[in-house]
């Protein structure tokens, strides 16, 4: 099962992916890590004086708009390009930020399910670094990250159980059987 975890900065996307890795064996890659590894570190290292990949990655919070623009440019010819690269190594993509990218990934069936992590106590991001229109998505599951880590863990595990049932139902329907 391939998942896309989306949400605003600091709402708990990466923490959620870590929980799913630990509890369920999922492999994930954060979009920022992947972008830095694949192309952004080489592109930005001289401009910002980064000594290594980790300097580049840690500094992303100071250049969210720039990273957003660079990833959009990387995905210019195929909006799902970065997602497809990530999913070669993982079954969770964590942190997509572009509506154009998510639409293409839905069209190309890159993910089986989309999970939004949302903390109502934290601010939303502006369109300069996050332009996904949640209301335009055909289907997503929202996990509220408004409590402690154990509550987040339980909510995620409950969702994965539901998604596993949905996946079983799909396979049964594909075989033409009744569930």
Foldseek 3Di string as FASTA:
>chain_A
DAEEEEEAPPLQQVVLVVLCCVPPVFFEDELLLLCLVPPDCVVCCVVVVDPDSVSVSVCCVVVLLVSQVVLCVVCVVPLQVSVVVRVVPGRYYTYDADQVSVVRCVVVVSHPAYEYRGEPVDDGDDNSRHDHDVVPDPDHHYDYPHDDPVSSSVSSVVVVVVVVVVVVCVVCVVVVHDD
